Amino acid sequence: MKEFFKKAFNDMKESAKAQHEVDKAQFAAVKAESKARWEEAKAMGNPNTQKEMMQKERDEKIKEANIRKEEAESRIEAAKGNK
C-alpha cells in the first residue's frame, strides 16, 4: 500500500512538472503575440506603413482576381472546344 501512494505522488509530481512546462511555453507564446500586436498597432500610426500594407492587400486581391479570370477563360475555351 505504501508503494502505491509513493508511485501515485511521484506520478502527480511528474505531471505537475510537465504541465508547468506547457504553461511556460503558452505564456511565452501569448507574450510574443501581444508584443507583435503592439508593434503592429504602433506601426499603423506611421502613414507610410499603412499605405504599404494597403497596397500589399490590393496587389494580393488583383493577383487572385487574375488567377480566377485565367481559370474562367480556360473553362470557356474548353466549352467552345466541346461543341
N, C-alpha and C. Protein backbone atom coordinates (compact mmCIF):
# COMPACT_ATOMS: atom_id res chain seq x y z
N MET A 1 0.82 -1.18 0.00
CA MET A 1 0.00 0.00 0.00
C MET A 1 0.88 1.26 0.00
N LYS A 2 1.98 1.21 0.73
CA LYS A 2 2.88 2.34 0.82
C LYS A 2 3.48 2.65 -0.56
N GLU A 3 3.84 1.62 -1.31
CA GLU A 3 4.41 1.80 -2.65
C GLU A 3 3.39 2.42 -3.61
N PHE A 4 2.13 2.04 -3.43
CA PHE A 4 1.06 2.59 -4.28
C PHE A 4 1.01 4.12 -4.14
N PHE A 5 0.99 4.60 -2.90
CA PHE A 5 0.92 6.04 -2.67
C PHE A 5 2.20 6.73 -3.12
N LYS A 6 3.33 6.07 -2.90
CA LYS A 6 4.60 6.64 -3.31
C LYS A 6 4.63 6.83 -4.83
N LYS A 7 4.16 5.80 -5.55
CA LYS A 7 4.11 5.87 -7.01
C LYS A 7 3.10 6.92 -7.46
N ALA A 8 1.95 6.99 -6.81
CA ALA A 8 0.91 7.95 -7.18
C ALA A 8 1.41 9.38 -7.00
N PHE A 9 2.05 9.66 -5.88
CA PHE A 9 2.55 11.01 -5.64
C PHE A 9 3.70 11.36 -6.59
N ASN A 10 4.51 10.39 -6.92
CA ASN A 10 5.58 10.62 -7.87
C ASN A 10 5.01 10.94 -9.26
N ASP A 11 3.96 10.21 -9.65
CA ASP A 11 3.29 10.48 -10.93
C ASP A 11 2.68 11.88 -10.95
N MET A 12 2.08 12.28 -9.83
CA MET A 12 1.49 13.61 -9.75
C MET A 12 2.58 14.68 -9.85
N LYS A 13 3.72 14.42 -9.24
CA LYS A 13 4.83 15.37 -9.28
C LYS A 13 5.33 15.54 -10.72
N GLU A 14 5.50 14.43 -11.43
CA GLU A 14 5.96 14.48 -12.81
C GLU A 14 4.93 15.18 -13.71
N SER A 15 3.67 14.89 -13.46
CA SER A 15 2.60 15.52 -14.24
C SER A 15 2.59 17.03 -14.00
N ALA A 16 2.78 17.45 -12.78
CA ALA A 16 2.81 18.88 -12.46
C ALA A 16 3.99 19.56 -13.14
N LYS A 17 5.14 18.90 -13.18
CA LYS A 17 6.31 19.46 -13.86
C LYS A 17 6.03 19.62 -15.35
N ALA A 18 5.44 18.59 -15.95
CA ALA A 18 5.14 18.65 -17.38
C ALA A 18 4.13 19.76 -17.68
N GLN A 19 3.11 19.88 -16.84
CA GLN A 19 2.11 20.92 -17.04
C GLN A 19 2.73 22.30 -16.88
N HIS A 20 3.67 22.43 -15.96
CA HIS A 20 4.36 23.70 -15.76
C HIS A 20 5.12 24.10 -17.03
N GLU A 21 5.76 23.13 -17.66
CA GLU A 21 6.49 23.41 -18.91
C GLU A 21 5.52 23.86 -20.00
N VAL A 22 4.37 23.22 -20.09
CA VAL A 22 3.35 23.61 -21.06
C VAL A 22 2.88 25.04 -20.78
N ASP A 23 2.62 25.34 -19.52
CA ASP A 23 2.16 26.67 -19.15
C ASP A 23 3.20 27.74 -19.48
N LYS A 24 4.48 27.43 -19.22
CA LYS A 24 5.54 28.38 -19.54
C LYS A 24 5.60 28.65 -21.03
N ALA A 25 5.49 27.59 -21.84
CA ALA A 25 5.54 27.75 -23.29
C ALA A 25 4.35 28.56 -23.80
N GLN A 26 3.16 28.28 -23.27
CA GLN A 26 1.98 29.02 -23.69
C GLN A 26 2.07 30.48 -23.27
N PHE A 27 2.58 30.74 -22.09
CA PHE A 27 2.74 32.11 -21.62
C PHE A 27 3.70 32.87 -22.53
N ALA A 28 4.80 32.23 -22.89
CA ALA A 28 5.77 32.87 -23.77
C ALA A 28 5.14 33.19 -25.13
N ALA A 29 4.32 32.27 -25.64
CA ALA A 29 3.66 32.49 -26.93
C ALA A 29 2.68 33.66 -26.85
N VAL A 30 1.90 33.71 -25.80
CA VAL A 30 0.94 34.81 -25.63
C VAL A 30 1.67 36.13 -25.49
N LYS A 31 2.76 36.13 -24.76
CA LYS A 31 3.55 37.35 -24.57
C LYS A 31 4.11 37.84 -25.91
N ALA A 32 4.62 36.91 -26.73
CA ALA A 32 5.17 37.28 -28.03
C ALA A 32 4.06 37.80 -28.96
N GLU A 33 2.90 37.15 -28.93
CA GLU A 33 1.78 37.61 -29.77
C GLU A 33 1.33 39.00 -29.35
N SER A 34 1.28 39.24 -28.06
CA SER A 34 0.88 40.55 -27.55
C SER A 34 1.86 41.63 -28.00
N LYS A 35 3.14 41.33 -27.93
CA LYS A 35 4.16 42.29 -28.37
C LYS A 35 4.04 42.54 -29.87
N ALA A 36 3.76 41.49 -30.63
CA ALA A 36 3.60 41.65 -32.08
C ALA A 36 2.42 42.55 -32.40
N ARG A 37 1.29 42.33 -31.70
CA ARG A 37 0.12 43.19 -31.91
C ARG A 37 0.45 44.64 -31.56
N TRP A 38 1.18 44.86 -30.48
CA TRP A 38 1.56 46.20 -30.07
C TRP A 38 2.43 46.86 -31.14
N GLU A 39 3.42 46.14 -31.64
CA GLU A 39 4.31 46.69 -32.65
C GLU A 39 3.54 47.00 -33.94
N GLU A 40 2.60 46.12 -34.30
CA GLU A 40 1.79 46.36 -35.49
C GLU A 40 0.94 47.61 -35.31
N ALA A 41 0.33 47.76 -34.13
CA ALA A 41 -0.50 48.92 -33.86
C ALA A 41 0.34 50.19 -33.88
N LYS A 42 1.53 50.10 -33.33
CA LYS A 42 2.42 51.25 -33.32
C LYS A 42 2.84 51.62 -34.75
N ALA A 43 3.08 50.60 -35.56
CA ALA A 43 3.49 50.85 -36.95
C ALA A 43 2.34 51.44 -37.77
N MET A 44 1.12 51.12 -37.41
CA MET A 44 -0.03 51.66 -38.14
C MET A 44 -0.15 53.16 -37.94
N GLY A 45 0.46 53.69 -36.93
CA GLY A 45 0.47 55.13 -36.72
C GLY A 45 1.29 55.86 -37.77
N ASN A 46 2.19 55.13 -38.41
CA ASN A 46 3.02 55.69 -39.47
C ASN A 46 2.25 55.59 -40.79
N PRO A 47 1.94 56.69 -41.45
CA PRO A 47 1.15 56.65 -42.68
C PRO A 47 1.80 55.82 -43.79
N ASN A 48 3.12 55.82 -43.87
CA ASN A 48 3.79 55.05 -44.91
C ASN A 48 3.59 53.55 -44.71
N THR A 49 3.66 53.11 -43.48
CA THR A 49 3.45 51.70 -43.18
C THR A 49 2.03 51.29 -43.54
N GLN A 50 1.08 52.13 -43.21
CA GLN A 50 -0.31 51.83 -43.51
C GLN A 50 -0.52 51.77 -45.03
N LYS A 51 0.06 52.69 -45.77
CA LYS A 51 -0.07 52.69 -47.22
C LYS A 51 0.53 51.43 -47.82
N GLU A 52 1.70 51.02 -47.32
CA GLU A 52 2.35 49.81 -47.83
C GLU A 52 1.49 48.58 -47.59
N MET A 53 0.91 48.50 -46.39
CA MET A 53 0.07 47.35 -46.07
C MET A 53 -1.17 47.31 -46.97
N MET A 54 -1.79 48.46 -47.17
CA MET A 54 -2.97 48.51 -48.02
C MET A 54 -2.62 48.16 -49.46
N GLN A 55 -1.46 48.60 -49.93
CA GLN A 55 -1.03 48.28 -51.29
C GLN A 55 -0.78 46.78 -51.44
N LYS A 56 -0.19 46.16 -50.43
CA LYS A 56 0.04 44.72 -50.47
C LYS A 56 -1.28 43.97 -50.55
N GLU A 57 -2.29 44.42 -49.78
CA GLU A 57 -3.60 43.78 -49.83
C GLU A 57 -4.22 43.93 -51.21
N ARG A 58 -4.12 45.12 -51.81
CA ARG A 58 -4.68 45.33 -53.15
C ARG A 58 -3.97 44.47 -54.16
N ASP A 59 -2.64 44.39 -54.09
CA ASP A 59 -1.88 43.56 -55.02
C ASP A 59 -2.29 42.10 -54.92
N GLU A 60 -2.50 41.64 -53.70
CA GLU A 60 -2.91 40.25 -53.49
C GLU A 60 -4.29 40.00 -54.10
N LYS A 61 -5.21 40.94 -53.91
CA LYS A 61 -6.55 40.79 -54.48
C LYS A 61 -6.51 40.80 -56.00
N ILE A 62 -5.67 41.64 -56.57
CA ILE A 62 -5.53 41.67 -58.03
C ILE A 62 -4.99 40.34 -58.54
N LYS A 63 -4.00 39.82 -57.84
CA LYS A 63 -3.40 38.54 -58.22
C LYS A 63 -4.44 37.41 -58.18
N GLU A 64 -5.24 37.37 -57.12
CA GLU A 64 -6.29 36.36 -57.01
C GLU A 64 -7.32 36.52 -58.11
N ALA A 65 -7.70 37.77 -58.44
CA ALA A 65 -8.68 38.01 -59.49
C ALA A 65 -8.14 37.56 -60.85
N ASN A 66 -6.86 37.81 -61.10
CA ASN A 66 -6.26 37.37 -62.37
C ASN A 66 -6.25 35.86 -62.49
N ILE A 67 -5.98 35.17 -61.40
CA ILE A 67 -6.00 33.70 -61.41
C ILE A 67 -7.40 33.20 -61.72
N ARG A 68 -8.41 33.79 -61.07
CA ARG A 68 -9.79 33.40 -61.32
C ARG A 68 -10.17 33.66 -62.77
N LYS A 69 -9.71 34.79 -63.33
CA LYS A 69 -10.00 35.15 -64.71
C LYS A 69 -9.40 34.12 -65.67
N GLU A 70 -8.14 33.75 -65.42
CA GLU A 70 -7.48 32.76 -66.27
C GLU A 70 -8.19 31.42 -66.23
N GLU A 71 -8.62 31.01 -65.03
CA GLU A 71 -9.35 29.75 -64.90
C GLU A 71 -10.67 29.80 -65.66
N ALA A 72 -11.36 30.93 -65.57
CA ALA A 72 -12.63 31.08 -66.28
C ALA A 72 -12.41 31.06 -67.79
N GLU A 73 -11.36 31.72 -68.27
CA GLU A 73 -11.06 31.72 -69.69
C GLU A 73 -10.72 30.33 -70.20
N SER A 74 -10.00 29.56 -69.41
CA SER A 74 -9.68 28.19 -69.84
C SER A 74 -10.93 27.32 -69.86
N ARG A 75 -11.86 27.56 -68.94
CA ARG A 75 -13.13 26.83 -68.96
C ARG A 75 -13.95 27.21 -70.19
N ILE A 76 -13.90 28.50 -70.57
CA ILE A 76 -14.61 28.94 -71.76
C ILE A 76 -14.05 28.27 -72.99
N GLU A 77 -12.72 28.25 -73.11
CA GLU A 77 -12.07 27.60 -74.24
C GLU A 77 -12.40 26.11 -74.30
N ALA A 78 -12.44 25.46 -73.13
CA ALA A 78 -12.76 24.03 -73.09
C ALA A 78 -14.21 23.81 -73.53
N ALA A 79 -15.10 24.70 -73.14
CA ALA A 79 -16.50 24.56 -73.51
C ALA A 79 -16.68 24.80 -75.01
N LYS A 80 -15.96 25.73 -75.56
CA LYS A 80 -16.05 26.01 -77.00
C LYS A 80 -15.49 24.84 -77.81
N GLY A 81 -14.47 24.22 -77.31
CA GLY A 81 -13.86 23.09 -78.00
C GLY A 81 -14.74 21.86 -78.01
N ASN A 82 -15.66 21.72 -77.07
CA ASN A 82 -16.52 20.55 -76.98
C ASN A 82 -17.73 20.65 -77.89
N LYS A 83 -18.02 21.81 -78.44
CA LYS A 83 -19.21 21.97 -79.29
C LYS A 83 -19.00 21.42 -80.64
